[in-house]
PDB file of N, CA and C in Angstrom:
ATOM      1  N   MET A   1     -16.277   9.410   1.237  1.00  0.00           N
ATOM      2  CA  MET A   1     -15.600   8.361   1.962  1.00  0.00           C
ATOM      3  C   MET A   1     -14.385   7.848   1.186  1.00  0.00           C
ATOM      4  N   ALA A   2     -14.465   7.835  -0.139  1.00  0.00           N
ATOM      5  CA  ALA A   2     -13.337   7.402  -0.959  1.00  0.00           C
ATOM      6  C   ALA A   2     -12.140   8.314  -0.751  1.00  0.00           C
ATOM      7  N   GLU A   3     -12.413   9.620  -0.557  1.00  0.00           N
ATOM      8  CA  GLU A   3     -11.324  10.553  -0.309  1.00  0.00           C
ATOM      9  C   GLU A   3     -10.635  10.231   1.008  1.00  0.00           C
ATOM     10  N   LYS A   4     -11.384   9.853   2.029  1.00  0.00           N
ATOM     11  CA  LYS A   4     -10.801   9.512   3.326  1.00  0.00           C
ATOM     12  C   LYS A   4      -9.912   8.287   3.201  1.00  0.00           C
ATOM     13  N   LYS A   5     -10.382   7.256   2.489  1.00  0.00           N
ATOM     14  CA  LYS A   5      -9.567   6.058   2.296  1.00  0.00           C
ATOM     15  C   LYS A   5      -8.292   6.395   1.542  1.00  0.00           C
ATOM     16  N   SER A   6      -8.407   7.240   0.529  1.00  0.00           N
ATOM     17  CA  SER A   6      -7.241   7.655  -0.234  1.00  0.00           C
ATOM     18  C   SER A   6      -6.271   8.437   0.650  1.00  0.00           C
ATOM     19  N   ALA A   7      -6.825   9.326   1.486  1.00  0.00           N
ATOM     20  CA  ALA A   7      -5.992  10.116   2.390  1.00  0.00           C
ATOM     21  C   ALA A   7      -5.305   9.204   3.402  1.00  0.00           C
ATOM     22  N   ASP A   8      -6.027   8.195   3.915  1.00  0.00           N
ATOM     23  CA  ASP A   8      -5.434   7.250   4.850  1.00  0.00           C
ATOM     24  C   ASP A   8      -4.288   6.485   4.196  1.00  0.00           C
ATOM     25  N   PHE A   9      -4.477   6.081   2.952  1.00  0.00           N
ATOM     26  CA  PHE A   9      -3.429   5.367   2.231  1.00  0.00           C
ATOM     27  C   PHE A   9      -2.216   6.267   2.056  1.00  0.00           C
ATOM     28  N   GLU A  10      -2.450   7.494   1.613  1.00  0.00           N
ATOM     29  CA  GLU A  10      -1.345   8.432   1.400  1.00  0.00           C
ATOM     30  C   GLU A  10      -0.611   8.727   2.705  1.00  0.00           C
ATOM     31  N   LYS A  11      -1.362   8.885   3.786  1.00  0.00           N
ATOM     32  CA  LYS A  11      -0.755   9.155   5.090  1.00  0.00           C
ATOM     33  C   LYS A  11       0.086   7.955   5.538  1.00  0.00           C
ATOM     34  N   SER A  12      -0.453   6.763   5.360  1.00  0.00           N
ATOM     35  CA  SER A  12       0.277   5.546   5.737  1.00  0.00           C
ATOM     36  C   SER A  12       1.544   5.388   4.913  1.00  0.00           C
ATOM     37  N   LEU A  13       1.439   5.644   3.629  1.00  0.00           N
ATOM     38  CA  LEU A  13       2.594   5.532   2.753  1.00  0.00           C
ATOM     39  C   LEU A  13       3.660   6.560   3.120  1.00  0.00           C
ATOM     40  N   GLY A  14       3.217   7.778   3.431  1.00  0.00           N
ATOM     41  CA  GLY A  14       4.149   8.824   3.843  1.00  0.00           C
ATOM     42  C   GLY A  14       4.867   8.453   5.130  1.00  0.00           C
ATOM     43  N   ARG A  15       4.114   7.914   6.087  1.00  0.00           N
ATOM     44  CA  ARG A  15       4.726   7.504   7.355  1.00  0.00           C
ATOM     45  C   ARG A  15       5.709   6.368   7.129  1.00  0.00           C
ATOM     46  N   LEU A  16       5.367   5.446   6.249  1.00  0.00           N
ATOM     47  CA  LEU A  16       6.264   4.336   5.932  1.00  0.00           C
ATOM     48  C   LEU A  16       7.580   4.861   5.351  1.00  0.00           C
ATOM     49  N   GLU A  17       7.491   5.849   4.479  1.00  0.00           N
ATOM     50  CA  GLU A  17       8.703   6.445   3.906  1.00  0.00           C
ATOM     51  C   GLU A  17       9.552   7.115   4.987  1.00  0.00           C
ATOM     52  N   GLU A  18       8.893   7.782   5.945  1.00  0.00           N
ATOM     53  CA  GLU A  18       9.622   8.398   7.057  1.00  0.00           C
ATOM     54  C   GLU A  18      10.363   7.345   7.873  1.00  0.00           C
ATOM     55  N   LEU A  19       9.676   6.246   8.165  1.00  0.00           N
ATOM     56  CA  LEU A  19      10.296   5.180   8.947  1.00  0.00           C
ATOM     57  C   LEU A  19      11.519   4.612   8.238  1.00  0.00           C
ATOM     58  N   VAL A  20      11.397   4.387   6.946  1.00  0.00           N
ATOM     59  CA  VAL A  20      12.510   3.839   6.175  1.00  0.00           C
ATOM     60  C   VAL A  20      13.690   4.811   6.190  1.00  0.00           C
ATOM     61  N   ASP A  21      13.406   6.095   5.980  1.00  0.00           N
ATOM     62  CA  ASP A  21      14.479   7.093   6.002  1.00  0.00           C
ATOM     63  C   ASP A  21      15.197   7.106   7.350  1.00  0.00           C
ATOM     64  N   GLU A  22      14.429   7.063   8.432  1.00  0.00           N
ATOM     65  CA  GLU A  22      15.022   7.074   9.765  1.00  0.00           C
ATOM     66  C   GLU A  22      15.848   5.811  10.012  1.00  0.00           C
ATOM     67  N   MET A  23      15.353   4.673   9.541  1.00  0.00           N
ATOM     68  CA  MET A  23      16.085   3.421   9.726  1.00  0.00           C
ATOM     69  C   MET A  23      17.371   3.414   8.902  1.00  0.00           C
ATOM     70  N   GLU A  24      17.305   3.972   7.710  1.00  0.00           N
ATOM     71  CA  GLU A  24      18.481   4.002   6.847  1.00  0.00           C
ATOM     72  C   GLU A  24      19.539   4.999   7.322  1.00  0.00           C
ATOM     73  N   SER A  25      19.142   5.932   8.171  1.00  0.00           N
ATOM     74  CA  SER A  25      20.082   6.944   8.649  1.00  0.00           C
ATOM     75  C   SER A  25      21.180   6.337   9.515  1.00  0.00           C
ATOM     76  N   GLY A  26      20.891   5.209  10.141  1.00  0.00           N
ATOM     77  CA  GLY A  26      21.865   4.567  11.002  1.00  0.00           C
ATOM     78  C   GLY A  26      21.983   5.210  12.370  1.00  0.00           C
ATOM     79  N   GLU A  27      21.086   6.117  12.698  1.00  0.00           N
ATOM     80  CA  GLU A  27      21.162   6.842  13.959  1.00  0.00           C
ATOM     81  C   GLU A  27      20.240   6.288  15.047  1.00  0.00           C
ATOM     82  N   LEU A  28      19.489   5.241  14.748  1.00  0.00           N
ATOM     83  CA  LEU A  28      18.540   4.689  15.721  1.00  0.00           C
ATOM     84  C   LEU A  28      19.193   3.590  16.553  1.00  0.00           C
ATOM     85  N   SER A  29      18.733   3.490  17.789  1.00  0.00           N
ATOM     86  CA  SER A  29      19.171   2.382  18.633  1.00  0.00           C
ATOM     87  C   SER A  29      18.505   1.104  18.131  1.00  0.00           C
ATOM     88  N   LEU A  30      18.991  -0.015  18.588  1.00  0.00           N
ATOM     89  CA  LEU A  30      18.401  -1.296  18.184  1.00  0.00           C
ATOM     90  C   LEU A  30      16.930  -1.360  18.585  1.00  0.00           C
ATOM     91  N   GLU A  31      16.619  -0.883  19.775  1.00  0.00           N
ATOM     92  CA  GLU A  31      15.232  -0.894  20.241  1.00  0.00           C
ATOM     93  C   GLU A  31      14.341  -0.030  19.343  1.00  0.00           C
ATOM     94  N   ASP A  32      14.824   1.152  18.964  1.00  0.00           N
ATOM     95  CA  ASP A  32      14.053   2.021  18.070  1.00  0.00           C
ATOM     96  C   ASP A  32      13.915   1.411  16.678  1.00  0.00           C
ATOM     97  N   MET A  33      14.961   0.718  16.225  1.00  0.00           N
ATOM     98  CA  MET A  33      14.880   0.038  14.925  1.00  0.00           C
ATOM     99  C   MET A  33      13.774  -1.008  14.938  1.00  0.00           C
ATOM    100  N   ILE A  34      13.690  -1.748  16.033  1.00  0.00           N
ATOM    101  CA  ILE A  34      12.657  -2.784  16.150  1.00  0.00           C
ATOM    102  C   ILE A  34      11.273  -2.148  16.158  1.00  0.00           C
ATOM    103  N   LYS A  35      11.115  -1.048  16.908  1.00  0.00           N
ATOM    104  CA  LYS A  35       9.823  -0.353  16.937  1.00  0.00           C
ATOM    105  C   LYS A  35       9.447   0.165  15.554  1.00  0.00           C
ATOM    106  N   HIS A  36      10.414   0.747  14.851  1.00  0.00           N
ATOM    107  CA  HIS A  36      10.162   1.244  13.496  1.00  0.00           C
ATOM    108  C   HIS A  36       9.786   0.095  12.566  1.00  0.00           C
ATOM    109  N   PHE A  37      10.494  -1.035  12.701  1.00  0.00           N
ATOM    110  CA  PHE A  37      10.206  -2.195  11.864  1.00  0.00           C
ATOM    111  C   PHE A  37       8.795  -2.706  12.109  1.00  0.00           C
ATOM    112  N   GLU A  38       8.399  -2.792  13.373  1.00  0.00           N
ATOM    113  CA  GLU A  38       7.056  -3.270  13.702  1.00  0.00           C
ATOM    114  C   GLU A  38       5.986  -2.335  13.148  1.00  0.00           C
ATOM    115  N   GLU A  39       6.186  -1.029  13.322  1.00  0.00           N
ATOM    116  CA  GLU A  39       5.219  -0.067  12.784  1.00  0.00           C
ATOM    117  C   GLU A  39       5.184  -0.138  11.266  1.00  0.00           C
ATOM    118  N   GLY A  40       6.358  -0.234  10.659  1.00  0.00           N
ATOM    119  CA  GLY A  40       6.440  -0.329   9.203  1.00  0.00           C
ATOM    120  C   GLY A  40       5.754  -1.570   8.671  1.00  0.00           C
ATOM    121  N   SER A  41       5.909  -2.686   9.361  1.00  0.00           N
ATOM    122  CA  SER A  41       5.255  -3.933   8.935  1.00  0.00           C
ATOM    123  C   SER A  41       3.738  -3.778   8.941  1.00  0.00           C
ATOM    124  N   SER A  42       3.223  -3.125   9.970  1.00  0.00           N
ATOM    125  CA  SER A  42       1.777  -2.890  10.042  1.00  0.00           C
ATOM    126  C   SER A  42       1.313  -1.980   8.910  1.00  0.00           C
ATOM    127  N   LEU A  43       2.103  -0.957   8.613  1.00  0.00           N
ATOM    128  CA  LEU A  43       1.742  -0.035   7.537  1.00  0.00           C
ATOM    129  C   LEU A  43       1.802  -0.712   6.172  1.00  0.00           C
ATOM    130  N   VAL A  44       2.784  -1.576   5.969  1.00  0.00           N
ATOM    131  CA  VAL A  44       2.880  -2.325   4.706  1.00  0.00           C
ATOM    132  C   VAL A  44       1.642  -3.192   4.532  1.00  0.00           C
ATOM    133  N   GLU A  45       1.223  -3.854   5.602  1.00  0.00           N
ATOM    134  CA  GLU A  45       0.026  -4.696   5.539  1.00  0.00           C
ATOM    135  C   GLU A  45      -1.209  -3.861   5.213  1.00  0.00           C
ATOM    136  N   LEU A  46      -1.347  -2.713   5.852  1.00  0.00           N
ATOM    137  CA  LEU A  46      -2.483  -1.830   5.608  1.00  0.00           C
ATOM    138  C   LEU A  46      -2.492  -1.335   4.154  1.00  0.00           C
ATOM    139  N   CYS A  47      -1.341  -0.871   3.675  1.00  0.00           N
ATOM    140  CA  CYS A  47      -1.253  -0.368   2.293  1.00  0.00           C
ATOM    141  C   CYS A  47      -1.517  -1.480   1.287  1.00  0.00           C
ATOM    142  N   SER A  48      -0.987  -2.651   1.561  1.00  0.00           N
ATOM    143  CA  SER A  48      -1.204  -3.789   0.664  1.00  0.00           C
ATOM    144  C   SER A  48      -2.683  -4.141   0.585  1.00  0.00           C
ATOM    145  N   LYS A  49      -3.350  -4.127   1.725  1.00  0.00           N
ATOM    146  CA  LYS A  49      -4.784  -4.425   1.760  1.00  0.00           C
ATOM    147  C   LYS A  49      -5.564  -3.411   0.926  1.00  0.00           C
ATOM    148  N   LYS A  50      -5.234  -2.127   1.086  1.00  0.00           N
ATOM    149  CA  LYS A  50      -5.926  -1.084   0.332  1.00  0.00           C
ATOM    150  C   LYS A  50      -5.660  -1.220  -1.169  1.00  0.00           C
ATOM    151  N   LEU A  51      -4.425  -1.535  -1.541  1.00  0.00           N
ATOM    152  CA  LEU A  51      -4.105  -1.726  -2.958  1.00  0.00           C
ATOM    153  C   LEU A  51      -4.848  -2.922  -3.536  1.00  0.00           C
ATOM    154  N   ASN A  52      -4.972  -3.981  -2.767  1.00  0.00           N
ATOM    155  CA  ASN A  52      -5.732  -5.151  -3.229  1.00  0.00           C
ATOM    156  C   ASN A  52      -7.197  -4.815  -3.430  1.00  0.00           C
ATOM    157  N   GLU A  53      -7.758  -3.985  -2.546  1.00  0.00           N
ATOM    158  CA  GLU A  53      -9.152  -3.560  -2.702  1.00  0.00           C
ATOM    159  C   GLU A  53      -9.333  -2.768  -3.999  1.00  0.00           C
ATOM    160  N   VAL A  54      -8.397  -1.880  -4.271  1.00  0.00           N
ATOM    161  CA  VAL A  54      -8.471  -1.081  -5.496  1.00  0.00           C
ATOM    162  C   VAL A  54      -8.329  -1.977  -6.717  1.00  0.00           C
ATOM    163  N   GLU A  55      -7.413  -2.937  -6.644  1.00  0.00           N
ATOM    164  CA  GLU A  55      -7.216  -3.865  -7.760  1.00  0.00           C
ATOM    165  C   GLU A  55      -8.499  -4.628  -8.063  1.00  0.00           C
ATOM    166  N   GLN A  56      -9.196  -5.072  -7.034  1.00  0.00           N
ATOM    167  CA  GLN A  56     -10.444  -5.794  -7.226  1.00  0.00           C
ATOM    168  C   GLN A  56     -11.507  -4.904  -7.857  1.00  0.00           C
ATOM    169  N   LYS A  57     -11.557  -3.649  -7.450  1.00  0.00           N
ATOM    170  CA  LYS A  57     -12.524  -2.724  -8.050  1.00  0.00           C
ATOM    171  C   LYS A  57     -12.214  -2.503  -9.529  1.00  0.00           C
ATOM    172  N   ILE A  58     -10.929  -2.370  -9.852  1.00  0.00           N
ATOM    173  CA  ILE A  58     -10.541  -2.168 -11.253  1.00  0.00           C
ATOM    174  C   ILE A  58     -10.942  -3.376 -12.089  1.00  0.00           C
ATOM    175  N   GLU A  59     -10.699  -4.566 -11.549  1.00  0.00           N
ATOM    176  CA  GLU A  59     -11.073  -5.785 -12.268  1.00  0.00           C
ATOM    177  C   GLU A  59     -12.564  -5.820 -12.574  1.00  0.00           C
ATOM    178  N   LYS A  60     -13.365  -5.334 -11.647  1.00  0.00           N
ATOM    179  CA  LYS A  60     -14.813  -5.359 -11.824  1.00  0.00           C
ATOM    180  C   LYS A  60     -15.301  -4.282 -12.784  1.00  0.00           C
ATOM    181  N   LEU A  61     -14.524  -3.221 -12.949  1.00  0.00           N
ATOM    182  CA  LEU A  61     -14.991  -2.098 -13.750  1.00  0.00           C
ATOM    183  C   LEU A  61     -14.420  -2.046 -15.169  1.00  0.00           C
ATOM    184  N   VAL A  62     -13.564  -2.999 -15.508  1.00  0.00           N
ATOM    185  CA  VAL A  62     -13.003  -3.011 -16.853  1.00  0.00           C
ATOM    186  C   VAL A  62     -14.137  -3.283 -17.845  1.00  0.00           C
ATOM    187  N   LYS A  63     -14.244  -2.398 -18.806  1.00  0.00           N
ATOM    188  CA  LYS A  63     -15.337  -2.511 -19.764  1.00  0.00           C
ATOM    189  C   LYS A  63     -14.821  -3.223 -21.018  1.00  0.00           C
ATOM    190  N   LYS A  64     -15.536  -4.246 -21.422  1.00  0.00           N
ATOM    191  CA  LYS A  64     -15.139  -5.003 -22.606  1.00  0.00           C
ATOM    192  C   LYS A  64     -16.389  -5.344 -23.400  1.00  0.00           C
ATOM    193  N   GLU A  65     -16.411  -4.975 -24.658  1.00  0.00           N
ATOM    194  CA  GLU A  65     -17.516  -5.258 -25.579  1.00  0.00           C
ATOM    195  C   GLU A  65     -18.848  -4.726 -25.068  1.00  0.00           C
ATOM    196  N   GLY A  66     -18.835  -3.533 -24.519  1.00  0.00           N
ATOM    197  CA  GLY A  66     -20.073  -2.877 -24.131  1.00  0.00           C
ATOM    198  C   GLY A  66     -20.667  -3.290 -22.799  1.00  0.00           C
ATOM    199  N   GLU A  67     -20.100  -4.253 -22.159  1.00  0.00           N
ATOM    200  CA  GLU A  67     -20.614  -4.631 -20.848  1.00  0.00           C
ATOM    201  C   GLU A  67     -19.446  -4.787 -19.875  1.00  0.00           C
ATOM    202  N   LEU A  68     -19.744  -4.599 -18.616  1.00  0.00           N
ATOM    203  CA  LEU A  68     -18.709  -4.715 -17.608  1.00  0.00           C
ATOM    204  C   LEU A  68     -18.409  -6.181 -17.339  1.00  0.00           C
ATOM    205  N   LYS A  69     -17.137  -6.524 -17.419  1.00  0.00           N
ATOM    206  CA  LYS A  69     -16.718  -7.890 -17.151  1.00  0.00           C
ATOM    207  C   LYS A  69     -15.498  -7.849 -16.257  1.00  0.00           C
ATOM    208  N   GLU A  70     -15.355  -8.878 -15.444  1.00  0.00           N
ATOM    209  CA  GLU A  70     -14.180  -8.974 -14.604  1.00  0.00           C
ATOM    210  C   GLU A  70     -13.009  -9.461 -15.448  1.00  0.00           C
ATOM    211  N   VAL A  71     -11.942  -8.675 -15.423  1.00  0.00           N
ATOM    212  CA  VAL A  71     -10.739  -8.997 -16.171  1.00  0.00           C
ATOM    213  C   VAL A  71      -9.576  -8.927 -15.183  1.00  0.00           C
ATOM    214  N   PRO A  72      -8.689  -9.910 -15.200  1.00  0.00           N
ATOM    215  CA  PRO A  72      -7.564  -9.869 -14.267  1.00  0.00           C
ATOM    216  C   PRO A  72      -6.738  -8.591 -14.433  1.00  0.00           C
ATOM    217  N   PHE A  73      -6.292  -8.046 -13.327  1.00  0.00           N
ATOM    218  CA  PHE A  73      -5.467  -6.842 -13.323  1.00  0.00           C
ATOM    219  C   PHE A  73      -4.039  -7.256 -13.621  1.00  0.00           C
ATOM    220  N   GLU A  74      -3.445  -6.694 -14.669  1.00  0.00           N
ATOM    221  CA  GLU A  74      -2.091  -7.043 -15.057  1.00  0.00           C
ATOM    222  C   GLU A  74      -1.115  -6.018 -14.511  1.00  0.00           C
ATOM    223  N   THR A  75       0.023  -6.507 -14.004  1.00  0.00           N
ATOM    224  CA  THR A  75       1.075  -5.635 -13.509  1.00  0.00           C
ATOM    225  C   THR A  75       2.357  -5.963 -14.246  1.00  0.00           C
ATOM    226  N   ASP A  76       3.338  -5.127 -14.039  1.00  0.00           N
ATOM    227  CA  ASP A  76       4.654  -5.365 -14.641  1.00  0.00           C
ATOM    228  C   ASP A  76       5.531  -6.200 -13.730  1.00  0.00           C
ATOM    229  N   GLU A  77       4.937  -6.723 -12.676  1.00  0.00           N
ATOM    230  CA  GLU A  77       5.670  -7.476 -11.667  1.00  0.00           C
ATOM    231  C   GLU A  77       6.193  -8.779 -12.248  1.00  0.00           C
ATOM    232  N   VAL A  78       7.456  -9.084 -11.937  1.00  0.00           N
ATOM    233  CA  VAL A  78       8.060 -10.330 -12.372  1.00  0.00           C
ATOM    234  C   VAL A  78       8.023 -11.303 -11.212  1.00  0.00           C
ATOM    235  N   GLU A  79       7.506 -12.490 -11.455  1.00  0.00           N
ATOM    236  CA  GLU A  79       7.394 -13.484 -10.359  1.00  0.00           C
ATOM    237  C   GLU A  79       8.550 -14.415 -10.363  1.00  0.00           C
TER     238      GLU A  79
END
């Protein structure tokens, strides 16, 4: 089942990249741009949710001093 979730994430991310490329091409009508934006927004939400789930699992599995403890997941993100 983990492979399916990973495949779904990869498929969603790939589709999101396609949408961005098509939008950046400048060849879409305004209506198509809106449709692409709406689909892309849904995909961003889906990917974000999956990444948050993975982050929570990592936090739970970080091993410290011989026992599993929850440790905040650190990123290079600047706030």
